[in-house]
Amino acid sequence: MLLVLISGCVTPVTPEQIASADYGTVPETSLYRKAIQDLVQQSLLEPFPARIRIRKEPQKGYAYLSGRRKPPEFGYIVHVGITAKNLMGEYRSEKPHRFFIKNETLYLLNESDKAEVVE
């Protein structure tokens, strides 16, 4: 039982960490949009023509990329809506997705990945 409780723990982020964190370079619009488009095309069954809408421009934040027991990575979080075709060729409704950017590296975050925008 104790093992179950420990495995779900998240290393808390302190205000000091947020203030002194290295968020990397601010993502250039054309570069991160292209990178998101490329990643989406690689991961969907019917990637063309997937519709990608940037719901929120990149915001400073952090994400637990290496598991919740390790310290989070600081960078930029982008909220995106993706509308893609299903196997019958019909467009599904837009689904929200989150991407994490640190310098020029892009990560697709899962729904279960803890990630937060900081003020």
C-alpha atoms as a PDB file:
ATOM      1  CA  MET A   1       0.000   0.000   0.000  1.00  0.00           C
ATOM      2  CA  LEU A   2       2.841   2.413   0.827  1.00  0.00           C
ATOM      3  CA  LEU A   3       4.427   1.738  -2.574  1.00  0.00           C
ATOM      4  CA  VAL A   4       1.211   2.802  -4.307  1.00  0.00           C
ATOM      5  CA  LEU A   5       1.145   6.062  -2.364  1.00  0.00           C
ATOM      6  CA  ILE A   6       4.793   6.852  -3.090  1.00  0.00           C
ATOM      7  CA  SER A   7       4.584   6.095  -6.825  1.00  0.00           C
ATOM      8  CA  GLY A   8       1.901   8.753  -7.357  1.00  0.00           C
ATOM      9  CA  CYS A   9       3.795  11.534  -5.615  1.00  0.00           C
ATOM     10  CA  VAL A  10       4.741  14.630  -7.549  1.00  0.00           C
ATOM     11  CA  THR A  11       7.874  16.568  -6.722  1.00  0.00           C
ATOM     12  CA  PRO A  12       6.332  19.966  -5.883  1.00  0.00           C
ATOM     13  CA  VAL A  13       7.480  23.067  -7.746  1.00  0.00           C
ATOM     14  CA  THR A  14       8.393  26.001  -5.542  1.00  0.00           C
ATOM     15  CA  PRO A  15       8.009  29.712  -6.362  1.00  0.00           C
ATOM     16  CA  GLU A  16      11.812  29.966  -6.207  1.00  0.00           C
ATOM     17  CA  GLN A  17      12.180  27.289  -8.891  1.00  0.00           C
ATOM     18  CA  ILE A  18       9.659  29.083 -11.097  1.00  0.00           C
ATOM     19  CA  ALA A  19      11.447  32.421 -10.681  1.00  0.00           C
ATOM     20  CA  SER A  20      14.948  31.071 -11.358  1.00  0.00           C
ATOM     21  CA  ALA A  21      14.125  28.421 -13.987  1.00  0.00           C
ATOM     22  CA  ASP A  22      15.725  28.253 -17.403  1.00  0.00           C
ATOM     23  CA  TYR A  23      12.785  28.175 -19.820  1.00  0.00           C
ATOM     24  CA  GLY A  24      15.009  28.117 -22.893  1.00  0.00           C
ATOM     25  CA  THR A  25      14.588  30.290 -25.931  1.00  0.00           C
ATOM     26  CA  VAL A  26      11.185  31.707 -26.799  1.00  0.00           C
ATOM     27  CA  PRO A  27       9.767  29.514 -29.594  1.00  0.00           C
ATOM     28  CA  GLU A  28       9.584  31.158 -33.019  1.00  0.00           C
ATOM     29  CA  THR A  29       6.056  30.976 -34.408  1.00  0.00           C
ATOM     30  CA  SER A  30       6.941  29.539 -37.808  1.00  0.00           C
ATOM     31  CA  LEU A  31       9.279  26.915 -36.322  1.00  0.00           C
ATOM     32  CA  TYR A  32       6.992  25.522 -33.624  1.00  0.00           C
ATOM     33  CA  ARG A  33       3.960  25.516 -35.916  1.00  0.00           C
ATOM     34  CA  LYS A  34       5.921  23.526 -38.525  1.00  0.00           C
ATOM     35  CA  ALA A  35       7.255  21.147 -35.849  1.00  0.00           C
ATOM     36  CA  ILE A  36       3.731  20.545 -34.502  1.00  0.00           C
ATOM     37  CA  GLN A  37       2.418  19.947 -38.034  1.00  0.00           C
ATOM     38  CA  ASP A  38       5.210  17.440 -38.736  1.00  0.00           C
ATOM     39  CA  LEU A  39       4.680  15.577 -35.447  1.00  0.00           C
ATOM     40  CA  VAL A  40       0.913  15.387 -35.988  1.00  0.00           C
ATOM     41  CA  GLN A  41       1.369  14.037 -39.515  1.00  0.00           C
ATOM     42  CA  GLN A  42       3.633  11.278 -38.185  1.00  0.00           C
ATOM     43  CA  SER A  43       1.247  10.197 -35.444  1.00  0.00           C
ATOM     44  CA  LEU A  44      -2.215  10.190 -37.067  1.00  0.00           C
ATOM     45  CA  LEU A  45      -3.742   7.374 -39.116  1.00  0.00           C
ATOM     46  CA  GLU A  46      -5.070   9.922 -41.629  1.00  0.00           C
ATOM     47  CA  PRO A  47      -2.774  12.938 -41.204  1.00  0.00           C
ATOM     48  CA  PHE A  48      -3.766  14.767 -44.390  1.00  0.00           C
ATOM     49  CA  PRO A  49      -5.468  17.151 -44.176  1.00  0.00           C
ATOM     50  CA  ALA A  50      -5.455  17.391 -40.380  1.00  0.00           C
ATOM     51  CA  ARG A  51      -6.591  20.797 -39.154  1.00  0.00           C
ATOM     52  CA  ILE A  52      -4.405  22.261 -36.455  1.00  0.00           C
ATOM     53  CA  ARG A  53      -5.501  25.317 -34.516  1.00  0.00           C
ATOM     54  CA  ILE A  54      -3.256  27.031 -31.991  1.00  0.00           C
ATOM     55  CA  ARG A  55      -5.596  27.622 -29.060  1.00  0.00           C
ATOM     56  CA  LYS A  56      -3.026  29.388 -26.894  1.00  0.00           C
ATOM     57  CA  GLU A  57       0.364  30.711 -27.956  1.00  0.00           C
ATOM     58  CA  PRO A  58       3.405  29.332 -26.062  1.00  0.00           C
ATOM     59  CA  GLN A  59       3.352  30.171 -22.366  1.00  0.00           C
ATOM     60  CA  LYS A  60       6.066  29.608 -19.784  1.00  0.00           C
ATOM     61  CA  GLY A  61       5.432  26.474 -17.814  1.00  0.00           C
ATOM     62  CA  TYR A  62       6.736  23.135 -16.646  1.00  0.00           C
ATOM     63  CA  ALA A  63       6.068  19.492 -17.365  1.00  0.00           C
ATOM     64  CA  TYR A  64       7.052  16.220 -15.775  1.00  0.00           C
ATOM     65  CA  LEU A  65       8.678  14.549 -18.778  1.00  0.00           C
ATOM     66  CA  SER A  66      10.658  11.887 -16.892  1.00  0.00           C
ATOM     67  CA  GLY A  67       8.008  10.721 -14.467  1.00  0.00           C
ATOM     68  CA  ARG A  68       6.385  12.416 -11.555  1.00  0.00           C
ATOM     69  CA  ARG A  69       9.069  11.540  -9.024  1.00  0.00           C
ATOM     70  CA  LYS A  70      11.778  13.426 -10.927  1.00  0.00           C
ATOM     71  CA  PRO A  71      12.032  17.220 -11.124  1.00  0.00           C
ATOM     72  CA  PRO A  72      10.009  18.862 -13.875  1.00  0.00           C
ATOM     73  CA  GLU A  73      11.420  20.441 -17.017  1.00  0.00           C
ATOM     74  CA  PHE A  74      10.800  24.133 -17.572  1.00  0.00           C
ATOM     75  CA  GLY A  75       9.964  25.467 -21.022  1.00  0.00           C
ATOM     76  CA  TYR A  76       6.898  26.544 -22.972  1.00  0.00           C
ATOM     77  CA  ILE A  77       3.465  24.929 -23.213  1.00  0.00           C
ATOM     78  CA  VAL A  78       1.336  25.292 -26.350  1.00  0.00           C
ATOM     79  CA  HIS A  79      -2.362  24.392 -26.373  1.00  0.00           C
ATOM     80  CA  VAL A  80      -3.561  23.080 -29.747  1.00  0.00           C
ATOM     81  CA  GLY A  81      -6.819  21.801 -31.176  1.00  0.00           C
ATOM     82  CA  ILE A  82      -6.542  19.049 -33.796  1.00  0.00           C
ATOM     83  CA  THR A  83      -9.321  17.958 -36.114  1.00  0.00           C
ATOM     84  CA  ALA A  84      -8.511  14.857 -38.145  1.00  0.00           C
ATOM     85  CA  LYS A  85     -10.363  12.389 -40.306  1.00  0.00           C
ATOM     86  CA  ASN A  86     -11.467   9.037 -38.956  1.00  0.00           C
ATOM     87  CA  LEU A  87     -11.127   5.744 -40.856  1.00  0.00           C
ATOM     88  CA  MET A  88     -14.346   6.495 -42.755  1.00  0.00           C
ATOM     89  CA  GLY A  89     -12.906   9.764 -44.096  1.00  0.00           C
ATOM     90  CA  GLU A  90     -15.108  11.984 -41.921  1.00  0.00           C
ATOM     91  CA  TYR A  91     -13.740  14.749 -39.746  1.00  0.00           C
ATOM     92  CA  ARG A  92     -14.008  14.158 -36.019  1.00  0.00           C
ATOM     93  CA  SER A  93     -14.615  16.981 -33.578  1.00  0.00           C
ATOM     94  CA  GLU A  94     -11.615  19.021 -32.494  1.00  0.00           C
ATOM     95  CA  LYS A  95      -9.569  17.378 -29.740  1.00  0.00           C
ATOM     96  CA  PRO A  96      -7.357  19.386 -27.378  1.00  0.00           C
ATOM     97  CA  HIS A  97      -3.648  18.561 -27.217  1.00  0.00           C
ATOM     98  CA  ARG A  98      -0.701  20.054 -25.369  1.00  0.00           C
ATOM     99  CA  PHE A  99       2.860  20.347 -26.554  1.00  0.00           C
ATOM    100  CA  PHE A 100       5.923  21.200 -24.510  1.00  0.00           C
ATOM    101  CA  ILE A 101       8.830  23.082 -26.083  1.00  0.00           C
ATOM    102  CA  LYS A 102      12.301  23.474 -24.612  1.00  0.00           C
ATOM    103  CA  ASN A 103      14.708  25.302 -26.888  1.00  0.00           C
ATOM    104  CA  GLU A 104      14.083  23.559 -30.213  1.00  0.00           C
ATOM    105  CA  THR A 105      12.799  20.232 -28.856  1.00  0.00           C
ATOM    106  CA  LEU A 106       9.084  19.472 -29.047  1.00  0.00           C
ATOM    107  CA  TYR A 107       7.212  16.932 -26.910  1.00  0.00           C
ATOM    108  CA  LEU A 108       3.602  15.830 -27.259  1.00  0.00           C
ATOM    109  CA  LEU A 109       2.129  15.648 -23.767  1.00  0.00           C
ATOM    110  CA  ASN A 110      -0.315  12.871 -22.870  1.00  0.00           C
ATOM    111  CA  GLU A 111      -3.542  13.689 -21.084  1.00  0.00           C
ATOM    112  CA  SER A 112      -2.099  12.190 -17.899  1.00  0.00           C
ATOM    113  CA  ASP A 113       1.162  14.178 -18.049  1.00  0.00           C
ATOM    114  CA  LYS A 114       1.262  16.813 -15.357  1.00  0.00           C
ATOM    115  CA  ALA A 115       2.095  20.164 -16.914  1.00  0.00           C
ATOM    116  CA  GLU A 116       1.213  23.661 -15.811  1.00  0.00           C
ATOM    117  CA  VAL A 117       1.548  27.182 -17.111  1.00  0.00           C
ATOM    118  CA  VAL A 118       3.217  29.635 -14.731  1.00  0.00           C
ATOM    119  CA  GLU A 119       2.392  33.307 -14.406  1.00  0.00           C
END
